[in-house]
């Protein structure tokens, strides 16, 4: 499976985001999803076979990390996509906070002199 088709699946993109800056064990990755460990393991295999993650084995544990160099231009695209989503989330949070402040009456308005 090629890299673009591998990241078309939302859970695989989320796994990549999790291991983008940090190496995580398969168990740590699986804990963050509402699917079985086997399902996460299959996603990790697809990502590994596509050259999107590296695998380091330490005893019985398997550790995964995004292989940004192996991704080529796809790495820049994914990083900009996540940055855009974070910017949008920050804007939504700021708008919600401003709306909340607008609905709370100013304490000084109803105070008697």
PDB file of N, CA and C in Angstrom:
ATOM      1  N   UNK A   1       0.863  -1.176   0.000  1.00  0.00           N
ATOM      2  CA  UNK A   1       0.000   0.000   0.000  1.00  0.00           C
ATOM      3  C   UNK A   1       0.906   1.235   0.000  1.00  0.00           C
ATOM      4  N   UNK A   2       0.585   2.185  -0.837  1.00  0.00           N
ATOM      5  CA  UNK A   2       1.421   3.382  -0.872  1.00  0.00           C
ATOM      6  C   UNK A   2       1.089   4.304   0.295  1.00  0.00           C
ATOM      7  N   UNK A   3       1.984   5.250   0.558  1.00  0.00           N
ATOM      8  CA  UNK A   3       1.871   6.116   1.733  1.00  0.00           C
ATOM      9  C   UNK A   3       0.596   6.951   1.728  1.00  0.00           C
ATOM     10  N   UNK A   4       0.225   7.473   0.569  1.00  0.00           N
ATOM     11  CA  UNK A   4      -0.973   8.320   0.504  1.00  0.00           C
ATOM     12  C   UNK A   4      -2.215   7.516   0.850  1.00  0.00           C
ATOM     13  N   UNK A   5      -2.316   6.322   0.330  1.00  0.00           N
ATOM     14  CA  UNK A   5      -3.478   5.482   0.662  1.00  0.00           C
ATOM     15  C   UNK A   5      -3.450   5.075   2.123  1.00  0.00           C
ATOM     16  N   UNK A   6      -2.264   4.889   2.687  1.00  0.00           N
ATOM     17  CA  UNK A   6      -2.155   4.501   4.097  1.00  0.00           C
ATOM     18  C   UNK A   6      -2.678   5.607   5.009  1.00  0.00           C
ATOM     19  N   UNK A   7      -2.353   6.865   4.689  1.00  0.00           N
ATOM     20  CA  UNK A   7      -2.793   7.963   5.567  1.00  0.00           C
ATOM     21  C   UNK A   7      -4.209   8.428   5.262  1.00  0.00           C
ATOM     22  N   UNK A   8      -4.833   7.836   4.268  1.00  0.00           N
ATOM     23  CA  UNK A   8      -6.228   8.195   3.972  1.00  0.00           C
ATOM     24  C   UNK A   8      -7.154   7.742   5.096  1.00  0.00           C
ATOM     25  N   UNK A   9      -6.734   6.744   5.863  1.00  0.00           N
ATOM     26  CA  UNK A   9      -7.544   6.213   6.955  1.00  0.00           C
ATOM     27  C   UNK A   9      -7.333   7.092   8.194  1.00  0.00           C
ATOM     28  N   UNK A  10      -8.404   7.634   8.788  1.00  0.00           N
ATOM     29  CA  UNK A  10      -8.271   8.574   9.914  1.00  0.00           C
ATOM     30  C   UNK A  10      -7.501   8.036  11.121  1.00  0.00           C
ATOM     31  N   UNK A  11      -7.675   6.774  11.480  1.00  0.00           N
ATOM     32  CA  UNK A  11      -6.948   6.246  12.643  1.00  0.00           C
ATOM     33  C   UNK A  11      -5.450   6.191  12.370  1.00  0.00           C
ATOM     34  N   UNK A  12      -5.087   5.898  11.142  1.00  0.00           N
ATOM     35  CA  UNK A  12      -3.655   5.867  10.816  1.00  0.00           C
ATOM     36  C   UNK A  12      -3.060   7.275  10.894  1.00  0.00           C
ATOM     37  N   UNK A  13      -3.815   8.267  10.446  1.00  0.00           N
ATOM     38  CA  UNK A  13      -3.329   9.643  10.576  1.00  0.00           C
ATOM     39  C   UNK A  13      -3.163  10.002  12.044  1.00  0.00           C
ATOM     40  N   UNK A  14      -4.100   9.582  12.873  1.00  0.00           N
ATOM     41  CA  UNK A  14      -4.013   9.876  14.302  1.00  0.00           C
ATOM     42  C   UNK A  14      -2.813   9.156  14.923  1.00  0.00           C
ATOM     43  N   UNK A  15      -2.560   7.932  14.532  1.00  0.00           N
ATOM     44  CA  UNK A  15      -1.380   7.213  15.025  1.00  0.00           C
ATOM     45  C   UNK A  15      -0.117   7.973  14.628  1.00  0.00           C
ATOM     46  N   UNK A  16      -0.059   8.413  13.383  1.00  0.00           N
ATOM     47  CA  UNK A  16       1.105   9.189  12.938  1.00  0.00           C
ATOM     48  C   UNK A  16       1.285  10.451  13.766  1.00  0.00           C
ATOM     49  N   UNK A  17       0.190  11.128  14.064  1.00  0.00           N
ATOM     50  CA  UNK A  17       0.268  12.340  14.872  1.00  0.00           C
ATOM     51  C   UNK A  17       0.818  12.019  16.259  1.00  0.00           C
ATOM     52  N   UNK A  18       0.405  10.886  16.820  1.00  0.00           N
ATOM     53  CA  UNK A  18       0.868  10.498  18.151  1.00  0.00           C
ATOM     54  C   UNK A  18       2.364  10.224  18.179  1.00  0.00           C
ATOM     55  N   UNK A  19       2.886   9.628  17.116  1.00  0.00           N
ATOM     56  CA  UNK A  19       4.302   9.243  17.101  1.00  0.00           C
ATOM     57  C   UNK A  19       5.157  10.231  16.304  1.00  0.00           C
ATOM     58  N   UNK A  20       4.593  11.395  16.020  1.00  0.00           N
ATOM     59  CA  UNK A  20       5.293  12.397  15.213  1.00  0.00           C
ATOM     60  C   UNK A  20       6.559  12.894  15.918  1.00  0.00           C
ATOM     61  N   UNK A  21       6.434  13.233  17.197  1.00  0.00           N
ATOM     62  CA  UNK A  21       7.554  13.795  17.946  1.00  0.00           C
ATOM     63  C   UNK A  21       8.062  12.886  19.052  1.00  0.00           C
ATOM     64  N   UNK A  22       7.407  11.777  19.258  1.00  0.00           N
ATOM     65  CA  UNK A  22       7.788  10.896  20.364  1.00  0.00           C
ATOM     66  C   UNK A  22       7.658   9.442  19.958  1.00  0.00           C
ATOM     67  N   UNK A  23       8.539   8.655  20.492  1.00  0.00           N
ATOM     68  CA  UNK A  23       8.459   7.210  20.268  1.00  0.00           C
ATOM     69  C   UNK A  23       7.503   6.643  21.314  1.00  0.00           C
ATOM     70  N   UNK A  24       6.537   5.851  20.861  1.00  0.00           N
ATOM     71  CA  UNK A  24       5.565   5.240  21.768  1.00  0.00           C
ATOM     72  C   UNK A  24       5.523   3.742  21.538  1.00  0.00           C
ATOM     73  N   UNK A  25       5.221   3.022  22.601  1.00  0.00           N
ATOM     74  CA  UNK A  25       5.054   1.574  22.462  1.00  0.00           C
ATOM     75  C   UNK A  25       3.701   1.298  21.814  1.00  0.00           C
ATOM     76  N   UNK A  26       3.580   0.114  21.253  1.00  0.00           N
ATOM     77  CA  UNK A  26       2.308  -0.283  20.639  1.00  0.00           C
ATOM     78  C   UNK A  26       1.181  -0.213  21.667  1.00  0.00           C
ATOM     79  N   UNK A  27       1.462  -0.612  22.894  1.00  0.00           N
ATOM     80  CA  UNK A  27       0.449  -0.558  23.952  1.00  0.00           C
ATOM     81  C   UNK A  27       0.014   0.859  24.269  1.00  0.00           C
ATOM     82  N   UNK A  28       0.974   1.794  24.325  1.00  0.00           N
ATOM     83  CA  UNK A  28       0.640   3.197  24.593  1.00  0.00           C
ATOM     84  C   UNK A  28      -0.219   3.774  23.473  1.00  0.00           C
ATOM     85  N   UNK A  29       0.076   3.372  22.254  1.00  0.00           N
ATOM     86  CA  UNK A  29      -0.716   3.835  21.116  1.00  0.00           C
ATOM     87  C   UNK A  29      -2.128   3.260  21.203  1.00  0.00           C
ATOM     88  N   UNK A  30      -2.219   1.966  21.456  1.00  0.00           N
ATOM     89  CA  UNK A  30      -3.516   1.288  21.497  1.00  0.00           C
ATOM     90  C   UNK A  30      -4.420   1.840  22.590  1.00  0.00           C
ATOM     91  N   UNK A  31      -3.832   2.270  23.710  1.00  0.00           N
ATOM     92  CA  UNK A  31      -4.629   2.818  24.821  1.00  0.00           C
ATOM     93  C   UNK A  31      -5.434   4.048  24.410  1.00  0.00           C
ATOM     94  N   UNK A  32      -5.025   4.724  23.376  1.00  0.00           N
ATOM     95  CA  UNK A  32      -5.663   5.985  22.981  1.00  0.00           C
ATOM     96  C   UNK A  32      -6.796   5.802  21.980  1.00  0.00           C
ATOM     97  N   UNK A  33      -7.120   4.554  21.676  1.00  0.00           N
ATOM     98  CA  UNK A  33      -8.164   4.279  20.698  1.00  0.00           C
ATOM     99  C   UNK A  33      -9.232   3.389  21.298  1.00  0.00           C
ATOM    100  N   UNK A  34     -10.429   3.482  20.737  1.00  0.00           N
ATOM    101  CA  UNK A  34     -11.557   2.681  21.219  1.00  0.00           C
ATOM    102  C   UNK A  34     -11.757   1.426  20.373  1.00  0.00           C
ATOM    103  N   UNK A  35     -10.652   0.895  19.862  1.00  0.00           N
ATOM    104  CA  UNK A  35     -10.695  -0.358  19.100  1.00  0.00           C
ATOM    105  C   UNK A  35      -9.743  -1.340  19.759  1.00  0.00           C
ATOM    106  N   UNK A  36      -9.767  -2.577  19.310  1.00  0.00           N
ATOM    107  CA  UNK A  36      -8.930  -3.597  19.920  1.00  0.00           C
ATOM    108  C   UNK A  36      -7.452  -3.352  19.635  1.00  0.00           C
ATOM    109  N   UNK A  37      -6.611  -3.957  20.456  1.00  0.00           N
ATOM    110  CA  UNK A  37      -5.170  -3.874  20.240  1.00  0.00           C
ATOM    111  C   UNK A  37      -4.824  -4.466  18.875  1.00  0.00           C
ATOM    112  N   UNK A  38      -5.517  -5.541  18.492  1.00  0.00           N
ATOM    113  CA  UNK A  38      -5.277  -6.163  17.194  1.00  0.00           C
ATOM    114  C   UNK A  38      -5.541  -5.214  16.034  1.00  0.00           C
ATOM    115  N   UNK A  39      -6.589  -4.420  16.147  1.00  0.00           N
ATOM    116  CA  UNK A  39      -6.909  -3.458  15.089  1.00  0.00           C
ATOM    117  C   UNK A  39      -5.811  -2.395  14.994  1.00  0.00           C
ATOM    118  N   UNK A  40      -5.350  -1.900  16.134  1.00  0.00           N
ATOM    119  CA  UNK A  40      -4.270  -0.909  16.135  1.00  0.00           C
ATOM    120  C   UNK A  40      -3.000  -1.532  15.570  1.00  0.00           C
ATOM    121  N   UNK A  41      -2.749  -2.773  15.933  1.00  0.00           N
ATOM    122  CA  UNK A  41      -1.576  -3.478  15.426  1.00  0.00           C
ATOM    123  C   UNK A  41      -1.607  -3.583  13.897  1.00  0.00           C
ATOM    124  N   UNK A  42      -2.779  -3.833  13.342  1.00  0.00           N
ATOM    125  CA  UNK A  42      -2.906  -3.896  11.879  1.00  0.00           C
ATOM    126  C   UNK A  42      -2.625  -2.535  11.244  1.00  0.00           C
ATOM    127  N   UNK A  43      -3.119  -1.466  11.869  1.00  0.00           N
ATOM    128  CA  UNK A  43      -2.848  -0.119  11.365  1.00  0.00           C
ATOM    129  C   UNK A  43      -1.341   0.174  11.411  1.00  0.00           C
ATOM    130  N   UNK A  44      -0.702  -0.244  12.514  1.00  0.00           N
ATOM    131  CA  UNK A  44       0.742  -0.030  12.632  1.00  0.00           C
ATOM    132  C   UNK A  44       1.504  -0.796  11.556  1.00  0.00           C
ATOM    133  N   UNK A  45       1.048  -1.984  11.229  1.00  0.00           N
ATOM    134  CA  UNK A  45       1.698  -2.774  10.179  1.00  0.00           C
ATOM    135  C   UNK A  45       1.586  -2.075   8.831  1.00  0.00           C
ATOM    136  N   UNK A  46       0.416  -1.537   8.528  1.00  0.00           N
ATOM    137  CA  UNK A  46       0.229  -0.809   7.263  1.00  0.00           C
ATOM    138  C   UNK A  46       1.160   0.403   7.221  1.00  0.00           C
ATOM    139  N   UNK A  47       1.230   1.138   8.331  1.00  0.00           N
ATOM    140  CA  UNK A  47       2.106   2.314   8.387  1.00  0.00           C
ATOM    141  C   UNK A  47       3.575   1.917   8.238  1.00  0.00           C
ATOM    142  N   UNK A  48       3.937   0.823   8.863  1.00  0.00           N
ATOM    143  CA  UNK A  48       5.323   0.334   8.766  1.00  0.00           C
ATOM    144  C   UNK A  48       5.633  -0.134   7.347  1.00  0.00           C
ATOM    145  N   UNK A  49       4.733  -0.910   6.754  1.00  0.00           N
ATOM    146  CA  UNK A  49       4.935  -1.413   5.394  1.00  0.00           C
ATOM    147  C   UNK A  49       4.981  -0.286   4.363  1.00  0.00           C
ATOM    148  N   UNK A  50       4.332   0.824   4.669  1.00  0.00           N
ATOM    149  CA  UNK A  50       4.316   1.972   3.763  1.00  0.00           C
ATOM    150  C   UNK A  50       5.507   2.897   3.980  1.00  0.00           C
ATOM    151  N   UNK A  51       6.336   2.584   4.960  1.00  0.00           N
ATOM    152  CA  UNK A  51       7.508   3.395   5.230  1.00  0.00           C
ATOM    153  C   UNK A  51       7.220   4.664   6.004  1.00  0.00           C
ATOM    154  N   UNK A  52       6.084   4.711   6.690  1.00  0.00           N
ATOM    155  CA  UNK A  52       5.687   5.925   7.406  1.00  0.00           C
ATOM    156  C   UNK A  52       6.125   5.933   8.866  1.00  0.00           C
ATOM    157  N   UNK A  53       6.364   4.759   9.429  1.00  0.00           N
ATOM    158  CA  UNK A  53       6.848   4.670  10.806  1.00  0.00           C
ATOM    159  C   UNK A  53       8.028   3.707  10.858  1.00  0.00           C
ATOM    160  N   UNK A  54       8.864   3.929  11.857  1.00  0.00           N
ATOM    161  CA  UNK A  54       9.956   2.999  12.111  1.00  0.00           C
ATOM    162  C   UNK A  54       9.597   2.175  13.342  1.00  0.00           C
ATOM    163  N   UNK A  55      10.163   1.010  13.415  1.00  0.00           N
ATOM    164  CA  UNK A  55       9.914   0.094  14.523  1.00  0.00           C
ATOM    165  C   UNK A  55      11.237  -0.188  15.215  1.00  0.00           C
ATOM    166  N   UNK A  56      11.213  -0.086  16.536  1.00  0.00           N
ATOM    167  CA  UNK A  56      12.365  -0.487  17.351  1.00  0.00           C
ATOM    168  C   UNK A  56      11.852  -1.481  18.371  1.00  0.00           C
ATOM    169  N   UNK A  57      12.477  -2.629  18.412  1.00  0.00           N
ATOM    170  CA  UNK A  57      12.042  -3.651  19.352  1.00  0.00           C
ATOM    171  C   UNK A  57      13.018  -3.694  20.522  1.00  0.00           C
ATOM    172  N   UNK A  58      12.461  -3.728  21.728  1.00  0.00           N
ATOM    173  CA  UNK A  58      13.247  -3.828  22.950  1.00  0.00           C
ATOM    174  C   UNK A  58      12.612  -4.936  23.784  1.00  0.00           C
ATOM    175  N   UNK A  59      13.203  -6.108  23.728  1.00  0.00           N
ATOM    176  CA  UNK A  59      12.595  -7.260  24.388  1.00  0.00           C
ATOM    177  C   UNK A  59      11.287  -7.600  23.697  1.00  0.00           C
ATOM    178  N   UNK A  60      10.221  -7.653  24.470  1.00  0.00           N
ATOM    179  CA  UNK A  60       8.908  -7.959  23.896  1.00  0.00           C
ATOM    180  C   UNK A  60       8.167  -6.703  23.436  1.00  0.00           C
ATOM    181  N   UNK A  61       8.680  -5.546  23.811  1.00  0.00           N
ATOM    182  CA  UNK A  61       7.989  -4.308  23.456  1.00  0.00           C
ATOM    183  C   UNK A  61       8.423  -3.816  22.085  1.00  0.00           C
ATOM    184  N   UNK A  62       7.446  -3.236  21.385  1.00  0.00           N
ATOM    185  CA  UNK A  62       7.703  -2.627  20.088  1.00  0.00           C
ATOM    186  C   UNK A  62       7.417  -1.140  20.202  1.00  0.00           C
ATOM    187  N   UNK A  63       8.361  -0.343  19.737  1.00  0.00           N
ATOM    188  CA  UNK A  63       8.243   1.108  19.801  1.00  0.00           C
ATOM    189  C   UNK A  63       8.181   1.673  18.388  1.00  0.00           C
ATOM    190  N   UNK A  64       7.283   2.631  18.213  1.00  0.00           N
ATOM    191  CA  UNK A  64       7.058   3.226  16.896  1.00  0.00           C
ATOM    192  C   UNK A  64       7.333   4.718  16.939  1.00  0.00           C
ATOM    193  N   UNK A  65       7.831   5.209  15.819  1.00  0.00           N
ATOM    194  CA  UNK A  65       8.078   6.642  15.639  1.00  0.00           C
ATOM    195  C   UNK A  65       7.846   6.954  14.169  1.00  0.00           C
ATOM    196  N   UNK A  66       7.302   8.151  13.898  1.00  0.00           N
ATOM    197  CA  UNK A  66       7.096   8.572  12.512  1.00  0.00           C
ATOM    198  C   UNK A  66       8.452   8.668  11.811  1.00  0.00           C
ATOM    199  N   UNK A  67       8.504   8.211  10.584  1.00  0.00           N
ATOM    200  CA  UNK A  67       9.719   8.300   9.775  1.00  0.00           C
ATOM    201  C   UNK A  67       9.547   9.455   8.798  1.00  0.00           C
ATOM    202  N   UNK A  68       9.814  10.659   9.272  1.00  0.00           N
ATOM    203  CA  UNK A  68       9.575  11.857   8.465  1.00  0.00           C
ATOM    204  C   UNK A  68      10.424  11.867   7.201  1.00  0.00           C
ATOM    205  N   UNK A  69      11.648  11.414   7.311  1.00  0.00           N
ATOM    206  CA  UNK A  69      12.509  11.384   6.123  1.00  0.00           C
ATOM    207  C   UNK A  69      11.953  10.430   5.079  1.00  0.00           C
ATOM    208  N   UNK A  70      11.459   9.287   5.528  1.00  0.00           N
ATOM    209  CA  UNK A  70      10.895   8.309   4.611  1.00  0.00           C
ATOM    210  C   UNK A  70       9.617   8.776   3.942  1.00  0.00           C
ATOM    211  N   UNK A  71       8.949   9.749   4.555  1.00  0.00           N
ATOM    212  CA  UNK A  71       7.689  10.257   4.007  1.00  0.00           C
ATOM    213  C   UNK A  71       7.895  11.222   2.852  1.00  0.00           C
ATOM    214  N   UNK A  72       9.050  11.857   2.817  1.00  0.00           N
ATOM    215  CA  UNK A  72       9.285  12.851   1.780  1.00  0.00           C
ATOM    216  C   UNK A  72       8.329  14.020   1.921  1.00  0.00           C
ATOM    217  N   UNK A  73       7.756  14.497   0.783  1.00  0.00           N
ATOM    218  CA  UNK A  73       6.877  15.667   0.823  1.00  0.00           C
ATOM    219  C   UNK A  73       5.593  15.445   1.617  1.00  0.00           C
ATOM    220  N   UNK A  74       5.223  14.195   1.827  1.00  0.00           N
ATOM    221  CA  UNK A  74       4.022  13.895   2.607  1.00  0.00           C
ATOM    222  C   UNK A  74       4.168  14.397   4.045  1.00  0.00           C
ATOM    223  N   UNK A  75       5.390  14.396   4.572  1.00  0.00           N
ATOM    224  CA  UNK A  75       5.619  14.872   5.940  1.00  0.00           C
ATOM    225  C   UNK A  75       5.242  16.336   6.074  1.00  0.00           C
ATOM    226  N   UNK A  76       5.647  17.151   5.108  1.00  0.00           N
ATOM    227  CA  UNK A  76       5.304  18.582   5.157  1.00  0.00           C
ATOM    228  C   UNK A  76       3.796  18.785   5.080  1.00  0.00           C
ATOM    229  N   UNK A  77       3.135  18.003   4.221  1.00  0.00           N
ATOM    230  CA  UNK A  77       1.686  18.117   4.074  1.00  0.00           C
ATOM    231  C   UNK A  77       0.982  17.771   5.388  1.00  0.00           C
ATOM    232  N   UNK A  78       1.372  16.648   6.005  1.00  0.00           N
ATOM    233  CA  UNK A  78       0.730  16.226   7.255  1.00  0.00           C
ATOM    234  C   UNK A  78       0.961  17.258   8.354  1.00  0.00           C
ATOM    235  N   UNK A  79       2.182  17.754   8.449  1.00  0.00           N
ATOM    236  CA  UNK A  79       2.476  18.729   9.498  1.00  0.00           C
ATOM    237  C   UNK A  79       1.669  20.001   9.299  1.00  0.00           C
ATOM    238  N   UNK A  80       1.545  20.459   8.069  1.00  0.00           N
ATOM    239  CA  UNK A  80       0.760  21.678   7.835  1.00  0.00           C
ATOM    240  C   UNK A  80      -0.724  21.425   8.082  1.00  0.00           C
ATOM    241  N   UNK A  81      -1.211  20.216   7.770  1.00  0.00           N
ATOM    242  CA  UNK A  81      -2.611  19.874   8.016  1.00  0.00           C
ATOM    243  C   UNK A  81      -2.901  19.921   9.515  1.00  0.00           C
ATOM    244  N   UNK A  82      -2.005  19.330  10.325  1.00  0.00           N
ATOM    245  CA  UNK A  82      -2.214  19.330  11.771  1.00  0.00           C
ATOM    246  C   UNK A  82      -2.097  20.736  12.335  1.00  0.00           C
ATOM    247  N   UNK A  83      -1.182  21.536  11.823  1.00  0.00           N
ATOM    248  CA  UNK A  83      -1.027  22.910  12.293  1.00  0.00           C
ATOM    249  C   UNK A  83      -2.288  23.707  11.988  1.00  0.00           C
ATOM    250  N   UNK A  84      -2.859  23.514  10.806  1.00  0.00           N
ATOM    251  CA  UNK A  84      -4.091  24.213  10.428  1.00  0.00           C
ATOM    252  C   UNK A  84      -5.229  23.809  11.359  1.00  0.00           C
ATOM    253  N   UNK A  85      -5.333  22.521  11.663  1.00  0.00           N
ATOM    254  CA  UNK A  85      -6.386  22.061  12.567  1.00  0.00           C
ATOM    255  C   UNK A  85      -6.206  22.661  13.953  1.00  0.00           C
ATOM    256  N   UNK A  86      -4.955  22.741  14.434  1.00  0.00           N
ATOM    257  CA  UNK A  86      -4.711  23.331  15.745  1.00  0.00           C
ATOM    258  C   UNK A  86      -5.044  24.820  15.745  1.00  0.00           C
ATOM    259  N   UNK A  87      -4.703  25.505  14.662  1.00  0.00           N
ATOM    260  CA  UNK A  87      -5.048  26.921  14.558  1.00  0.00           C
ATOM    261  C   UNK A  87      -6.560  27.114  14.588  1.00  0.00           C
ATOM    262  N   UNK A  88      -7.281  26.279  13.861  1.00  0.00           N
ATOM    263  CA  UNK A  88      -8.742  26.356  13.831  1.00  0.00           C
ATOM    264  C   UNK A  88      -9.317  26.073  15.210  1.00  0.00           C
ATOM    265  N   UNK A  89      -8.784  25.075  15.891  1.00  0.00           N
ATOM    266  CA  UNK A  89      -9.245  24.739  17.232  1.00  0.00           C
ATOM    267  C   UNK A  89      -8.998  25.899  18.188  1.00  0.00           C
ATOM    268  N   UNK A  90      -7.831  26.524  18.095  1.00  0.00           N
ATOM    269  CA  UNK A  90      -7.519  27.667  18.956  1.00  0.00           C
ATOM    270  C   UNK A  90      -8.483  28.818  18.684  1.00  0.00           C
ATOM    271  N   UNK A  91      -8.780  29.082  17.408  1.00  0.00           N
ATOM    272  CA  UNK A  91      -9.710  30.152  17.057  1.00  0.00           C
ATOM    273  C   UNK A  91     -11.105  29.864  17.608  1.00  0.00           C
ATOM    274  N   UNK A  92     -11.552  28.616  17.498  1.00  0.00           N
ATOM    275  CA  UNK A  92     -12.868  28.247  18.031  1.00  0.00           C
ATOM    276  C   UNK A  92     -12.910  28.405  19.545  1.00  0.00           C
ATOM    277  N   UNK A  93     -11.838  28.011  20.217  1.00  0.00           N
ATOM    278  CA  UNK A  93     -11.783  28.137  21.676  1.00  0.00           C
ATOM    279  C   UNK A  93     -11.816  29.606  22.087  1.00  0.00           C
ATOM    280  N   UNK A  94     -11.075  30.443  21.366  1.00  0.00           N
ATOM    281  CA  UNK A  94     -11.069  31.868  21.671  1.00  0.00           C
ATOM    282  C   UNK A  94     -12.437  32.493  21.435  1.00  0.00           C
ATOM    283  N   UNK A  95     -13.107  32.097  20.363  1.00  0.00           N
ATOM    284  CA  UNK A  95     -14.441  32.623  20.067  1.00  0.00           C
ATOM    285  C   UNK A  95     -15.435  32.198  21.139  1.00  0.00           C
ATOM    286  N   UNK A  96     -15.355  30.951  21.579  1.00  0.00           N
ATOM    287  CA  UNK A  96     -16.262  30.459  22.616  1.00  0.00           C
ATOM    288  C   UNK A  96     -16.011  31.195  23.926  1.00  0.00           C
ATOM    289  N   UNK A  97     -14.749  31.447  24.229  1.00  0.00           N
ATOM    290  CA  UNK A  97     -14.408  32.164  25.450  1.00  0.00           C
ATOM    291  C   UNK A  97     -14.928  33.600  25.396  1.00  0.00           C
ATOM    292  N   UNK A  98     -14.791  34.249  24.249  1.00  0.00           N
ATOM    293  CA  UNK A  98     -15.286  35.626  24.089  1.00  0.00           C
ATOM    294  C   UNK A  98     -16.806  35.662  24.224  1.00  0.00           C
ATOM    295  N   UNK A  99     -17.472  34.678  23.655  1.00  0.00           N
ATOM    296  CA  UNK A  99     -18.930  34.612  23.750  1.00  0.00           C
ATOM    297  C   UNK A  99     -19.367  34.399  25.190  1.00  0.00           C
ATOM    298  N   UNK A 100     -18.641  33.554  25.905  1.00  0.00           N
ATOM    299  CA  UNK A 100     -18.947  33.291  27.306  1.00  0.00           C
ATOM    300  C   UNK A 100     -18.782  34.565  28.135  1.00  0.00           C
ATOM    301  N   UNK A 101     -17.712  35.314  27.879  1.00  0.00           N
ATOM    302  CA  UNK A 101     -17.484  36.572  28.606  1.00  0.00           C
ATOM    303  C   UNK A 101     -18.589  37.576  28.304  1.00  0.00           C
ATOM    304  N   UNK A 102     -19.069  37.588  27.079  1.00  0.00           N
ATOM    305  CA  UNK A 102     -20.114  38.534  26.688  1.00  0.00           C
ATOM    306  C   UNK A 102     -21.435  38.216  27.388  1.00  0.00           C
ATOM    307  N   UNK A 103     -21.662  36.958  27.749  1.00  0.00           N
ATOM    308  CA  UNK A 103     -22.909  36.553  28.383  1.00  0.00           C
ATOM    309  C   UNK A 103     -22.886  36.750  29.895  1.00  0.00           C
ATOM    310  N   UNK A 104     -21.715  36.872  30.479  1.00  0.00           N
ATOM    311  CA  UNK A 104     -21.609  37.065  31.928  1.00  0.00           C
ATOM    312  C   UNK A 104     -21.721  38.556  32.214  1.00  0.00           C
ATOM    313  N   UNK A 105     -22.703  38.956  33.032  1.00  0.00           N
ATOM    314  CA  UNK A 105     -22.867  40.391  33.323  1.00  0.00           C
ATOM    315  C   UNK A 105     -21.657  40.923  34.078  1.00  0.00           C
ATOM    316  N   UNK A 106     -21.307  42.144  33.750  1.00  0.00           N
ATOM    317  CA  UNK A 106     -20.192  42.819  34.409  1.00  0.00           C
ATOM    318  C   UNK A 106     -20.613  43.112  35.855  1.00  0.00           C
ATOM    319  N   UNK A 107     -19.815  42.737  36.807  1.00  0.00           N
ATOM    320  CA  UNK A 107     -20.152  42.924  38.233  1.00  0.00           C
ATOM    321  C   UNK A 107     -20.302  44.383  38.603  1.00  0.00           C
ATOM    322  N   UNK A 108     -19.624  45.265  37.887  1.00  0.00           N
ATOM    323  CA  UNK A 108     -19.687  46.684  38.243  1.00  0.00           C
ATOM    324  C   UNK A 108     -20.971  47.347  37.748  1.00  0.00           C
ATOM    325  N   UNK A 109     -21.688  46.719  36.823  1.00  0.00           N
ATOM    326  CA  UNK A 109     -22.895  47.338  36.251  1.00  0.00           C
ATOM    327  C   UNK A 109     -24.022  47.438  37.273  1.00  0.00           C
ATOM    328  N   UNK A 110     -24.261  46.471  38.056  1.00  0.00           N
ATOM    329  CA  UNK A 110     -25.405  46.491  38.961  1.00  0.00           C
ATOM    330  C   UNK A 110     -25.044  46.956  40.363  1.00  0.00           C
ATOM    331  N   UNK A 111     -23.815  47.341  40.584  1.00  0.00           N
ATOM    332  CA  UNK A 111     -23.371  47.716  41.927  1.00  0.00           C
ATOM    333  C   UNK A 111     -23.883  49.104  42.298  1.00  0.00           C
ATOM    334  N   UNK A 112     -24.273  49.288  43.564  1.00  0.00           N
ATOM    335  CA  UNK A 112     -24.710  50.595  44.016  1.00  0.00           C
ATOM    336  C   UNK A 112     -23.494  51.400  44.477  1.00  0.00           C
ATOM    337  N   UNK A 113     -23.590  52.711  44.278  1.00  0.00           N
ATOM    338  CA  UNK A 113     -22.462  53.584  44.673  1.00  0.00           C
ATOM    339  C   UNK A 113     -22.271  53.698  46.148  1.00  0.00           C
TER     340      UNK A 113
END
